[in-house]
Amino acid sequence: MIYYTEHARARMILRDITEEMVKGALLNPDRVGIGYDGKSLVFKKFNKGIVKIVFKNKKNSQIIVSVIWEIIKK
């Protein structure tokens, strides 16, 4: 089950990131990592760029903390 914080929902609207994009990133990430305070990170490339999902695992659920368009360094 996926739960979204109010902050994550607000960022999704602001950044035009859909629930389908978040689910796709969680199910089939291009890259994974560990963020601040032990939060999990997944990265997924889409046509617009790379989305970074910040979340916490809790039992059989993920709590989405934030979603961000990752800056691609050239």
N, C-alpha and C. Protein backbone atom coordinates (compact mmCIF):
# COMPACT_ATOMS: atom_id res chain seq x y z
N MET A 1 0.84 -1.17 0.00
CA MET A 1 0.00 0.00 0.00
C MET A 1 0.90 1.24 0.00
N ILE A 2 0.49 2.25 -0.72
CA ILE A 2 1.24 3.49 -0.80
C ILE A 2 0.42 4.59 -0.15
N TYR A 3 1.05 5.30 0.79
CA TYR A 3 0.43 6.45 1.44
C TYR A 3 1.25 7.69 1.11
N TYR A 4 0.60 8.82 1.03
CA TYR A 4 1.26 10.08 0.67
C TYR A 4 1.08 11.09 1.80
N THR A 5 2.17 11.73 2.21
CA THR A 5 2.04 12.84 3.16
C THR A 5 1.43 14.03 2.45
N GLU A 6 0.92 14.98 3.21
CA GLU A 6 0.39 16.21 2.60
C GLU A 6 1.48 16.93 1.81
N HIS A 7 2.69 16.92 2.35
CA HIS A 7 3.82 17.55 1.66
C HIS A 7 4.05 16.88 0.30
N ALA A 8 4.04 15.56 0.27
CA ALA A 8 4.26 14.84 -0.99
C ALA A 8 3.16 15.16 -2.00
N ARG A 9 1.92 15.17 -1.56
CA ARG A 9 0.80 15.50 -2.46
C ARG A 9 0.95 16.90 -3.04
N ALA A 10 1.32 17.85 -2.19
CA ALA A 10 1.49 19.23 -2.65
C ALA A 10 2.63 19.32 -3.67
N ARG A 11 3.71 18.61 -3.43
CA ARG A 11 4.85 18.63 -4.35
C ARG A 11 4.50 17.95 -5.67
N MET A 12 3.71 16.89 -5.61
CA MET A 12 3.29 16.21 -6.83
C MET A 12 2.48 17.15 -7.72
N ILE A 13 1.57 17.90 -7.11
CA ILE A 13 0.76 18.86 -7.87
C ILE A 13 1.65 19.95 -8.44
N LEU A 14 2.50 20.53 -7.60
CA LEU A 14 3.40 21.60 -8.01
C LEU A 14 4.32 21.18 -9.14
N ARG A 15 4.79 19.94 -9.08
CA ARG A 15 5.80 19.46 -10.03
C ARG A 15 5.24 18.59 -11.13
N ASP A 16 3.92 18.47 -11.20
CA ASP A 16 3.26 17.69 -12.23
C ASP A 16 3.78 16.25 -12.29
N ILE A 17 3.77 15.60 -11.12
CA ILE A 17 4.19 14.20 -10.99
C ILE A 17 2.96 13.42 -10.54
N THR A 18 2.62 12.37 -11.28
CA THR A 18 1.40 11.62 -11.02
C THR A 18 1.64 10.43 -10.08
N GLU A 19 0.54 9.90 -9.55
CA GLU A 19 0.63 8.68 -8.73
C GLU A 19 1.17 7.52 -9.56
N GLU A 20 0.80 7.47 -10.83
CA GLU A 20 1.30 6.40 -11.71
C GLU A 20 2.83 6.47 -11.85
N MET A 21 3.36 7.67 -11.92
CA MET A 21 4.81 7.84 -12.00
C MET A 21 5.48 7.36 -10.72
N VAL A 22 4.88 7.70 -9.58
CA VAL A 22 5.43 7.27 -8.29
C VAL A 22 5.39 5.75 -8.19
N LYS A 23 4.25 5.15 -8.53
CA LYS A 23 4.13 3.68 -8.49
C LYS A 23 5.14 3.02 -9.42
N GLY A 24 5.30 3.57 -10.62
CA GLY A 24 6.27 3.03 -11.57
C GLY A 24 7.69 3.08 -11.03
N ALA A 25 8.02 4.18 -10.36
CA ALA A 25 9.36 4.32 -9.78
C ALA A 25 9.58 3.32 -8.65
N LEU A 26 8.56 3.12 -7.81
CA LEU A 26 8.69 2.18 -6.70
C LEU A 26 8.79 0.73 -7.19
N LEU A 27 8.01 0.39 -8.21
CA LEU A 27 8.00 -0.99 -8.71
C LEU A 27 9.20 -1.33 -9.57
N ASN A 28 9.70 -0.35 -10.31
CA ASN A 28 10.79 -0.63 -11.24
C ASN A 28 11.77 0.54 -11.29
N PRO A 29 12.50 0.78 -10.18
CA PRO A 29 13.41 1.93 -10.14
C PRO A 29 14.62 1.73 -11.04
N ASP A 30 15.16 2.84 -11.53
CA ASP A 30 16.41 2.80 -12.27
C ASP A 30 17.61 2.80 -11.32
N ARG A 31 17.39 3.39 -10.14
CA ARG A 31 18.45 3.49 -9.14
C ARG A 31 17.81 3.60 -7.78
N VAL A 32 18.48 3.12 -6.75
CA VAL A 32 17.99 3.22 -5.37
C VAL A 32 19.08 3.81 -4.49
N GLY A 33 18.68 4.34 -3.35
CA GLY A 33 19.66 4.90 -2.43
C GLY A 33 19.05 5.11 -1.06
N ILE A 34 19.87 5.66 -0.18
CA ILE A 34 19.44 6.00 1.18
C ILE A 34 19.62 7.50 1.36
N GLY A 35 18.59 8.15 1.89
CA GLY A 35 18.62 9.59 2.09
C GLY A 35 18.79 9.95 3.56
N TYR A 36 18.45 11.19 3.89
CA TYR A 36 18.55 11.68 5.26
C TYR A 36 17.69 10.87 6.20
N ASP A 37 18.17 10.70 7.41
CA ASP A 37 17.43 9.99 8.47
C ASP A 37 17.03 8.58 8.05
N GLY A 38 17.80 7.95 7.16
CA GLY A 38 17.52 6.57 6.76
C GLY A 38 16.35 6.40 5.82
N LYS A 39 15.83 7.50 5.28
CA LYS A 39 14.73 7.38 4.33
C LYS A 39 15.24 6.73 3.04
N SER A 40 14.37 6.00 2.38
CA SER A 40 14.72 5.33 1.13
C SER A 40 14.51 6.28 -0.05
N LEU A 41 15.31 6.09 -1.07
CA LEU A 41 15.21 6.88 -2.30
C LEU A 41 15.11 5.94 -3.49
N VAL A 42 14.27 6.28 -4.45
CA VAL A 42 14.28 5.60 -5.74
C VAL A 42 14.27 6.68 -6.83
N PHE A 43 14.90 6.36 -7.93
CA PHE A 43 15.00 7.26 -9.06
C PHE A 43 14.47 6.56 -10.29
N LYS A 44 13.71 7.29 -11.10
CA LYS A 44 13.14 6.71 -12.32
C LYS A 44 13.16 7.76 -13.42
N LYS A 45 13.65 7.37 -14.59
CA LYS A 45 13.70 8.28 -15.73
C LYS A 45 12.38 8.26 -16.48
N PHE A 46 11.87 9.45 -16.76
CA PHE A 46 10.68 9.65 -17.58
C PHE A 46 11.04 10.61 -18.69
N ASN A 47 10.13 10.84 -19.61
CA ASN A 47 10.40 11.75 -20.73
C ASN A 47 10.84 13.13 -20.26
N LYS A 48 10.23 13.62 -19.17
CA LYS A 48 10.53 14.96 -18.65
C LYS A 48 11.85 15.03 -17.89
N GLY A 49 12.37 13.89 -17.46
CA GLY A 49 13.59 13.86 -16.65
C GLY A 49 13.56 12.72 -15.66
N ILE A 50 14.32 12.88 -14.58
CA ILE A 50 14.42 11.83 -13.56
C ILE A 50 13.66 12.27 -12.31
N VAL A 51 12.77 11.41 -11.86
CA VAL A 51 12.01 11.67 -10.63
C VAL A 51 12.70 10.97 -9.48
N LYS A 52 12.87 11.71 -8.37
CA LYS A 52 13.39 11.13 -7.13
C LYS A 52 12.23 11.04 -6.15
N ILE A 53 12.01 9.84 -5.61
CA ILE A 53 10.95 9.60 -4.63
C ILE A 53 11.62 9.36 -3.27
N VAL A 54 11.22 10.14 -2.27
CA VAL A 54 11.73 9.99 -0.91
C VAL A 54 10.60 9.34 -0.11
N PHE A 55 10.92 8.20 0.54
CA PHE A 55 9.85 7.49 1.26
C PHE A 55 10.40 6.71 2.43
N LYS A 56 9.47 6.29 3.30
CA LYS A 56 9.79 5.43 4.44
C LYS A 56 9.04 4.12 4.27
N ASN A 57 9.70 3.03 4.55
CA ASN A 57 9.03 1.72 4.55
C ASN A 57 8.44 1.49 5.93
N LYS A 58 7.22 1.03 5.96
CA LYS A 58 6.56 0.71 7.22
C LYS A 58 5.73 -0.54 7.01
N LYS A 59 6.13 -1.64 7.60
CA LYS A 59 5.49 -2.94 7.41
C LYS A 59 5.37 -3.24 5.92
N ASN A 60 4.16 -3.39 5.41
CA ASN A 60 3.96 -3.69 3.99
C ASN A 60 3.57 -2.45 3.18
N SER A 61 3.99 -1.28 3.66
CA SER A 61 3.59 -0.03 3.03
C SER A 61 4.80 0.87 2.79
N GLN A 62 4.59 1.82 1.88
CA GLN A 62 5.55 2.89 1.68
C GLN A 62 4.83 4.20 1.97
N ILE A 63 5.48 5.05 2.74
CA ILE A 63 4.93 6.38 3.02
C ILE A 63 5.78 7.37 2.22
N ILE A 64 5.16 7.98 1.22
CA ILE A 64 5.86 8.90 0.34
C ILE A 64 6.00 10.24 1.07
N VAL A 65 7.24 10.67 1.24
CA VAL A 65 7.55 11.89 1.96
C VAL A 65 7.64 13.08 1.01
N SER A 66 8.30 12.87 -0.14
CA SER A 66 8.44 13.94 -1.12
C SER A 66 8.75 13.36 -2.49
N VAL A 67 8.49 14.15 -3.51
CA VAL A 67 8.82 13.79 -4.88
C VAL A 67 9.49 15.00 -5.54
N ILE A 68 10.56 14.74 -6.26
CA ILE A 68 11.41 15.81 -6.77
C ILE A 68 11.87 15.47 -8.18
N TRP A 69 11.92 16.47 -9.06
CA TRP A 69 12.61 16.28 -10.33
C TRP A 69 14.09 16.44 -10.05
N GLU A 70 14.87 15.41 -10.33
CA GLU A 70 16.31 15.41 -10.10
C GLU A 70 17.00 16.23 -11.19
N ILE A 71 17.93 17.06 -10.79
CA ILE A 71 18.69 17.87 -11.75
C ILE A 71 19.74 16.98 -12.41
N ILE A 72 19.73 16.98 -13.73
CA ILE A 72 20.70 16.19 -14.48
C ILE A 72 21.93 17.04 -14.73
N LYS A 73 23.06 16.60 -14.20
CA LYS A 73 24.32 17.33 -14.37
C LYS A 73 24.94 16.96 -15.71
N LYS A 74 25.32 17.98 -16.44
CA LYS A 74 25.93 17.74 -17.77
C LYS A 74 27.38 18.09 -17.76
